[in-house]
């Protein structure tokens, strides 16, 4: 995804009893669009696939700096 290519599945809301929404994105621009309307502190799971190997990453969103 760093190079702007590839696909990822992004799941919002993790854990039991939490609403979940899953979207598949392509490239870095798609990932940014998928999380743009989320709030700092939201937890997202990002499933990436590289060279046929899938890996799930968990990220907690933070506020964007003005730098």
PDB file of N, CA and C in Angstrom:
ATOM      1  N   UNK A   1       0.812  -1.182   0.000  1.00  0.00           N
ATOM      2  CA  UNK A   1       0.000   0.000   0.000  1.00  0.00           C
ATOM      3  C   UNK A   1       0.864   1.257   0.000  1.00  0.00           C
ATOM      4  N   UNK A   2       2.064   1.188   0.506  1.00  0.00           N
ATOM      5  CA  UNK A   2       2.892   2.383   0.568  1.00  0.00           C
ATOM      6  C   UNK A   2       3.163   2.959  -0.812  1.00  0.00           C
ATOM      7  N   UNK A   3       3.261   2.098  -1.796  1.00  0.00           N
ATOM      8  CA  UNK A   3       3.558   2.573  -3.134  1.00  0.00           C
ATOM      9  C   UNK A   3       2.315   3.036  -3.882  1.00  0.00           C
ATOM     10  N   UNK A   4       1.135   2.913  -3.236  1.00  0.00           N
ATOM     11  CA  UNK A   4      -0.092   3.331  -3.895  1.00  0.00           C
ATOM     12  C   UNK A   4      -0.725   2.231  -4.723  1.00  0.00           C
ATOM     13  N   UNK A   5      -0.233   0.994  -4.597  1.00  0.00           N
ATOM     14  CA  UNK A   5      -0.809  -0.111  -5.332  1.00  0.00           C
ATOM     15  C   UNK A   5      -1.230  -1.194  -4.364  1.00  0.00           C
ATOM     16  N   UNK A   6      -1.998  -2.163  -4.860  1.00  0.00           N
ATOM     17  CA  UNK A   6      -2.449  -3.261  -4.029  1.00  0.00           C
ATOM     18  C   UNK A   6      -3.849  -3.021  -3.523  1.00  0.00           C
ATOM     19  N   UNK A   7      -4.355  -3.995  -2.759  1.00  0.00           N
ATOM     20  CA  UNK A   7      -5.681  -3.865  -2.179  1.00  0.00           C
ATOM     21  C   UNK A   7      -5.611  -4.166  -0.697  1.00  0.00           C
ATOM     22  N   UNK A   8      -6.588  -3.667   0.036  1.00  0.00           N
ATOM     23  CA  UNK A   8      -6.702  -3.938   1.462  1.00  0.00           C
ATOM     24  C   UNK A   8      -8.172  -3.959   1.824  1.00  0.00           C
ATOM     25  N   UNK A   9      -8.506  -4.728   2.841  1.00  0.00           N
ATOM     26  CA  UNK A   9      -9.843  -4.733   3.400  1.00  0.00           C
ATOM     27  C   UNK A   9      -9.762  -4.037   4.740  1.00  0.00           C
ATOM     28  N   UNK A  10     -10.608  -3.037   4.959  1.00  0.00           N
ATOM     29  CA  UNK A  10     -10.587  -2.249   6.188  1.00  0.00           C
ATOM     30  C   UNK A  10     -11.870  -2.519   6.948  1.00  0.00           C
ATOM     31  N   UNK A  11     -11.748  -2.947   8.219  1.00  0.00           N
ATOM     32  CA  UNK A  11     -12.908  -3.194   9.082  1.00  0.00           C
ATOM     33  C   UNK A  11     -12.920  -2.158  10.185  1.00  0.00           C
ATOM     34  N   UNK A  12     -14.046  -1.478  10.332  1.00  0.00           N
ATOM     35  CA  UNK A  12     -14.203  -0.464  11.369  1.00  0.00           C
ATOM     36  C   UNK A  12     -14.966  -1.068  12.528  1.00  0.00           C
ATOM     37  N   UNK A  13     -14.496  -0.816  13.740  1.00  0.00           N
ATOM     38  CA  UNK A  13     -15.162  -1.337  14.920  1.00  0.00           C
ATOM     39  C   UNK A  13     -14.733  -2.763  15.165  1.00  0.00           C
ATOM     40  N   UNK A  14     -13.918  -2.959  16.166  1.00  0.00           N
ATOM     41  CA  UNK A  14     -13.442  -4.296  16.471  1.00  0.00           C
ATOM     42  C   UNK A  14     -13.927  -4.684  17.853  1.00  0.00           C
ATOM     43  N   UNK A  15     -14.010  -5.951  18.113  1.00  0.00           N
ATOM     44  CA  UNK A  15     -14.417  -6.431  19.423  1.00  0.00           C
ATOM     45  C   UNK A  15     -15.883  -6.823  19.451  1.00  0.00           C
ATOM     46  N   UNK A  16     -16.240  -7.516  20.508  1.00  0.00           N
ATOM     47  CA  UNK A  16     -17.605  -8.017  20.656  1.00  0.00           C
ATOM     48  C   UNK A  16     -18.573  -6.865  20.899  1.00  0.00           C
ATOM     49  N   UNK A  17     -19.748  -6.967  20.314  1.00  0.00           N
ATOM     50  CA  UNK A  17     -20.790  -5.987  20.545  1.00  0.00           C
ATOM     51  C   UNK A  17     -20.572  -4.660  19.845  1.00  0.00           C
ATOM     52  N   UNK A  18     -19.620  -4.599  18.950  1.00  0.00           N
ATOM     53  CA  UNK A  18     -19.319  -3.354  18.249  1.00  0.00           C
ATOM     54  C   UNK A  18     -19.828  -3.435  16.821  1.00  0.00           C
ATOM     55  N   UNK A  19     -20.424  -2.368  16.341  1.00  0.00           N
ATOM     56  CA  UNK A  19     -20.840  -2.332  14.940  1.00  0.00           C
ATOM     57  C   UNK A  19     -19.606  -2.456  14.061  1.00  0.00           C
ATOM     58  N   UNK A  20     -19.714  -3.248  13.006  1.00  0.00           N
ATOM     59  CA  UNK A  20     -18.594  -3.426  12.093  1.00  0.00           C
ATOM     60  C   UNK A  20     -19.025  -3.040  10.689  1.00  0.00           C
ATOM     61  N   UNK A  21     -18.131  -2.404   9.985  1.00  0.00           N
ATOM     62  CA  UNK A  21     -18.324  -2.102   8.575  1.00  0.00           C
ATOM     63  C   UNK A  21     -17.034  -2.491   7.881  1.00  0.00           C
ATOM     64  N   UNK A  22     -17.134  -3.165   6.765  1.00  0.00           N
ATOM     65  CA  UNK A  22     -15.956  -3.621   6.043  1.00  0.00           C
ATOM     66  C   UNK A  22     -15.996  -3.077   4.623  1.00  0.00           C
ATOM     67  N   UNK A  23     -14.875  -2.513   4.179  1.00  0.00           N
ATOM     68  CA  UNK A  23     -14.758  -2.024   2.810  1.00  0.00           C
ATOM     69  C   UNK A  23     -13.455  -2.539   2.219  1.00  0.00           C
ATOM     70  N   UNK A  24     -13.457  -2.770   0.924  1.00  0.00           N
ATOM     71  CA  UNK A  24     -12.236  -3.146   0.226  1.00  0.00           C
ATOM     72  C   UNK A  24     -11.772  -1.929  -0.551  1.00  0.00           C
ATOM     73  N   UNK A  25     -10.497  -1.601  -0.396  1.00  0.00           N
ATOM     74  CA  UNK A  25      -9.944  -0.417  -1.043  1.00  0.00           C
ATOM     75  C   UNK A  25      -8.777  -0.823  -1.923  1.00  0.00           C
ATOM     76  N   UNK A  26      -8.455   0.032  -2.860  1.00  0.00           N
ATOM     77  CA  UNK A  26      -7.326  -0.201  -3.743  1.00  0.00           C
ATOM     78  C   UNK A  26      -6.406   1.008  -3.679  1.00  0.00           C
ATOM     79  N   UNK A  27      -5.194   0.795  -3.256  1.00  0.00           N
ATOM     80  CA  UNK A  27      -4.206   1.863  -3.229  1.00  0.00           C
ATOM     81  C   UNK A  27      -4.331   2.772  -2.019  1.00  0.00           C
ATOM     82  N   UNK A  28      -3.358   3.613  -1.872  1.00  0.00           N
ATOM     83  CA  UNK A  28      -3.275   4.526  -0.740  1.00  0.00           C
ATOM     84  C   UNK A  28      -4.436   5.520  -0.729  1.00  0.00           C
ATOM     85  N   UNK A  29      -4.825   6.019  -1.895  1.00  0.00           N
ATOM     86  CA  UNK A  29      -5.922   6.975  -1.973  1.00  0.00           C
ATOM     87  C   UNK A  29      -7.220   6.348  -1.471  1.00  0.00           C
ATOM     88  N   UNK A  30      -7.462   5.104  -1.825  1.00  0.00           N
ATOM     89  CA  UNK A  30      -8.660   4.408  -1.366  1.00  0.00           C
ATOM     90  C   UNK A  30      -8.657   4.205   0.140  1.00  0.00           C
ATOM     91  N   UNK A  31      -7.502   3.915   0.706  1.00  0.00           N
ATOM     92  CA  UNK A  31      -7.397   3.747   2.155  1.00  0.00           C
ATOM     93  C   UNK A  31      -7.699   5.058   2.865  1.00  0.00           C
ATOM     94  N   UNK A  32      -7.133   6.153   2.385  1.00  0.00           N
ATOM     95  CA  UNK A  32      -7.385   7.466   2.986  1.00  0.00           C
ATOM     96  C   UNK A  32      -8.878   7.792   2.916  1.00  0.00           C
ATOM     97  N   UNK A  33      -9.500   7.546   1.774  1.00  0.00           N
ATOM     98  CA  UNK A  33     -10.928   7.831   1.618  1.00  0.00           C
ATOM     99  C   UNK A  33     -11.759   6.986   2.580  1.00  0.00           C
ATOM    100  N   UNK A  34     -11.347   5.745   2.822  1.00  0.00           N
ATOM    101  CA  UNK A  34     -12.107   4.850   3.695  1.00  0.00           C
ATOM    102  C   UNK A  34     -12.078   5.296   5.148  1.00  0.00           C
ATOM    103  N   UNK A  35     -10.991   5.918   5.585  1.00  0.00           N
ATOM    104  CA  UNK A  35     -10.885   6.302   6.999  1.00  0.00           C
ATOM    105  C   UNK A  35     -11.088   7.793   7.239  1.00  0.00           C
ATOM    106  N   UNK A  36     -11.253   8.562   6.194  1.00  0.00           N
ATOM    107  CA  UNK A  36     -11.350  10.024   6.297  1.00  0.00           C
ATOM    108  C   UNK A  36     -12.416  10.484   7.293  1.00  0.00           C
ATOM    109  N   UNK A  37     -13.575   9.853   7.302  1.00  0.00           N
ATOM    110  CA  UNK A  37     -14.674  10.296   8.146  1.00  0.00           C
ATOM    111  C   UNK A  37     -14.670   9.654   9.530  1.00  0.00           C
ATOM    112  N   UNK A  38     -13.646   8.925   9.841  1.00  0.00           N
ATOM    113  CA  UNK A  38     -13.509   8.317  11.163  1.00  0.00           C
ATOM    114  C   UNK A  38     -12.947   9.328  12.139  1.00  0.00           C
ATOM    115  N   UNK A  39     -13.031   9.029  13.415  1.00  0.00           N
ATOM    116  CA  UNK A  39     -12.578   9.954  14.462  1.00  0.00           C
ATOM    117  C   UNK A  39     -11.300   9.460  15.113  1.00  0.00           C
ATOM    118  N   UNK A  40     -10.496  10.390  15.645  1.00  0.00           N
ATOM    119  CA  UNK A  40      -9.326   9.973  16.421  1.00  0.00           C
ATOM    120  C   UNK A  40      -9.785   9.042  17.552  1.00  0.00           C
ATOM    121  N   UNK A  41      -9.029   7.993  17.753  1.00  0.00           N
ATOM    122  CA  UNK A  41      -9.370   7.001  18.771  1.00  0.00           C
ATOM    123  C   UNK A  41     -10.094   5.793  18.214  1.00  0.00           C
ATOM    124  N   UNK A  42     -10.679   5.912  17.004  1.00  0.00           N
ATOM    125  CA  UNK A  42     -11.320   4.756  16.382  1.00  0.00           C
ATOM    126  C   UNK A  42     -10.266   3.702  16.071  1.00  0.00           C
ATOM    127  N   UNK A  43     -10.644   2.450  16.253  1.00  0.00           N
ATOM    128  CA  UNK A  43      -9.749   1.337  15.960  1.00  0.00           C
ATOM    129  C   UNK A  43     -10.197   0.714  14.643  1.00  0.00           C
ATOM    130  N   UNK A  44      -9.250   0.486  13.736  1.00  0.00           N
ATOM    131  CA  UNK A  44      -9.553  -0.158  12.459  1.00  0.00           C
ATOM    132  C   UNK A  44      -8.639  -1.357  12.282  1.00  0.00           C
ATOM    133  N   UNK A  45      -9.174  -2.375  11.642  1.00  0.00           N
ATOM    134  CA  UNK A  45      -8.367  -3.518  11.227  1.00  0.00           C
ATOM    135  C   UNK A  45      -8.138  -3.383   9.732  1.00  0.00           C
ATOM    136  N   UNK A  46      -6.916  -3.553   9.313  1.00  0.00           N
ATOM    137  CA  UNK A  46      -6.574  -3.457   7.902  1.00  0.00           C
ATOM    138  C   UNK A  46      -5.958  -4.783   7.486  1.00  0.00           C
ATOM    139  N   UNK A  47      -6.630  -5.478   6.594  1.00  0.00           N
ATOM    140  CA  UNK A  47      -6.113  -6.740   6.084  1.00  0.00           C
ATOM    141  C   UNK A  47      -5.437  -6.453   4.751  1.00  0.00           C
ATOM    142  N   UNK A  48      -4.154  -6.722   4.677  1.00  0.00           N
ATOM    143  CA  UNK A  48      -3.406  -6.477   3.453  1.00  0.00           C
ATOM    144  C   UNK A  48      -2.977  -7.798   2.838  1.00  0.00           C
ATOM    145  N   UNK A  49      -2.802  -7.779   1.543  1.00  0.00           N
ATOM    146  CA  UNK A  49      -2.340  -8.959   0.822  1.00  0.00           C
ATOM    147  C   UNK A  49      -1.159  -8.550  -0.046  1.00  0.00           C
ATOM    148  N   UNK A  50      -0.023  -9.162   0.226  1.00  0.00           N
ATOM    149  CA  UNK A  50       1.186  -8.903  -0.561  1.00  0.00           C
ATOM    150  C   UNK A  50       1.773 -10.230  -0.998  1.00  0.00           C
ATOM    151  N   UNK A  51       1.992 -10.343  -2.271  1.00  0.00           N
ATOM    152  CA  UNK A  51       2.582 -11.563  -2.828  1.00  0.00           C
ATOM    153  C   UNK A  51       1.835 -12.816  -2.371  1.00  0.00           C
ATOM    154  N   UNK A  52       0.496 -12.703  -2.275  1.00  0.00           N
ATOM    155  CA  UNK A  52      -0.334 -13.838  -1.903  1.00  0.00           C
ATOM    156  C   UNK A  52      -0.384 -14.127  -0.413  1.00  0.00           C
ATOM    157  N   UNK A  53       0.293 -13.337   0.402  1.00  0.00           N
ATOM    158  CA  UNK A  53       0.297 -13.534   1.854  1.00  0.00           C
ATOM    159  C   UNK A  53      -0.587 -12.461   2.487  1.00  0.00           C
ATOM    160  N   UNK A  54      -1.576 -12.903   3.280  1.00  0.00           N
ATOM    161  CA  UNK A  54      -2.485 -11.965   3.948  1.00  0.00           C
ATOM    162  C   UNK A  54      -2.028 -11.727   5.380  1.00  0.00           C
ATOM    163  N   UNK A  55      -2.161 -10.488   5.800  1.00  0.00           N
ATOM    164  CA  UNK A  55      -1.796 -10.112   7.157  1.00  0.00           C
ATOM    165  C   UNK A  55      -2.826  -9.093   7.644  1.00  0.00           C
ATOM    166  N   UNK A  56      -3.236  -9.200   8.907  1.00  0.00           N
ATOM    167  CA  UNK A  56      -4.183  -8.252   9.482  1.00  0.00           C
ATOM    168  C   UNK A  56      -3.450  -7.341  10.453  1.00  0.00           C
ATOM    169  N   UNK A  57      -3.588  -6.048  10.234  1.00  0.00           N
ATOM    170  CA  UNK A  57      -2.972  -5.040  11.085  1.00  0.00           C
ATOM    171  C   UNK A  57      -4.081  -4.308  11.829  1.00  0.00           C
ATOM    172  N   UNK A  58      -3.833  -3.916  13.065  1.00  0.00           N
ATOM    173  CA  UNK A  58      -4.783  -3.131  13.835  1.00  0.00           C
ATOM    174  C   UNK A  58      -4.175  -1.765  14.085  1.00  0.00           C
ATOM    175  N   UNK A  59      -4.956  -0.716  13.834  1.00  0.00           N
ATOM    176  CA  UNK A  59      -4.454   0.647  14.012  1.00  0.00           C
ATOM    177  C   UNK A  59      -5.475   1.481  14.776  1.00  0.00           C
ATOM    178  N   UNK A  60      -4.975   2.329  15.645  1.00  0.00           N
ATOM    179  CA  UNK A  60      -5.810   3.311  16.329  1.00  0.00           C
ATOM    180  C   UNK A  60      -5.551   4.653  15.660  1.00  0.00           C
ATOM    181  N   UNK A  61      -6.611   5.278  15.166  1.00  0.00           N
ATOM    182  CA  UNK A  61      -6.460   6.530  14.435  1.00  0.00           C
ATOM    183  C   UNK A  61      -6.135   7.680  15.383  1.00  0.00           C
ATOM    184  N   UNK A  62      -5.311   8.589  14.918  1.00  0.00           N
ATOM    185  CA  UNK A  62      -4.953   9.785  15.676  1.00  0.00           C
ATOM    186  C   UNK A  62      -5.295  11.002  14.829  1.00  0.00           C
ATOM    187  N   UNK A  63      -5.359  12.155  15.478  1.00  0.00           N
ATOM    188  CA  UNK A  63      -5.636  13.402  14.758  1.00  0.00           C
ATOM    189  C   UNK A  63      -4.474  13.721  13.828  1.00  0.00           C
ATOM    190  N   UNK A  64      -4.807  14.250  12.684  1.00  0.00           N
ATOM    191  CA  UNK A  64      -3.781  14.639  11.717  1.00  0.00           C
ATOM    192  C   UNK A  64      -3.086  15.908  12.205  1.00  0.00           C
ATOM    193  N   UNK A  65      -1.774  15.907  12.128  1.00  0.00           N
ATOM    194  CA  UNK A  65      -1.040  17.099  12.540  1.00  0.00           C
ATOM    195  C   UNK A  65      -1.095  18.139  11.427  1.00  0.00           C
ATOM    196  N   UNK A  66      -0.878  19.378  11.762  1.00  0.00           N
ATOM    197  CA  UNK A  66      -0.923  20.460  10.787  1.00  0.00           C
ATOM    198  C   UNK A  66       0.433  20.717  10.152  1.00  0.00           C
ATOM    199  N   UNK A  67       1.387  19.847  10.389  1.00  0.00           N
ATOM    200  CA  UNK A  67       2.740  20.044   9.843  1.00  0.00           C
ATOM    201  C   UNK A  67       2.809  19.685   8.399  1.00  0.00           C
TER     202      UNK A  67
END
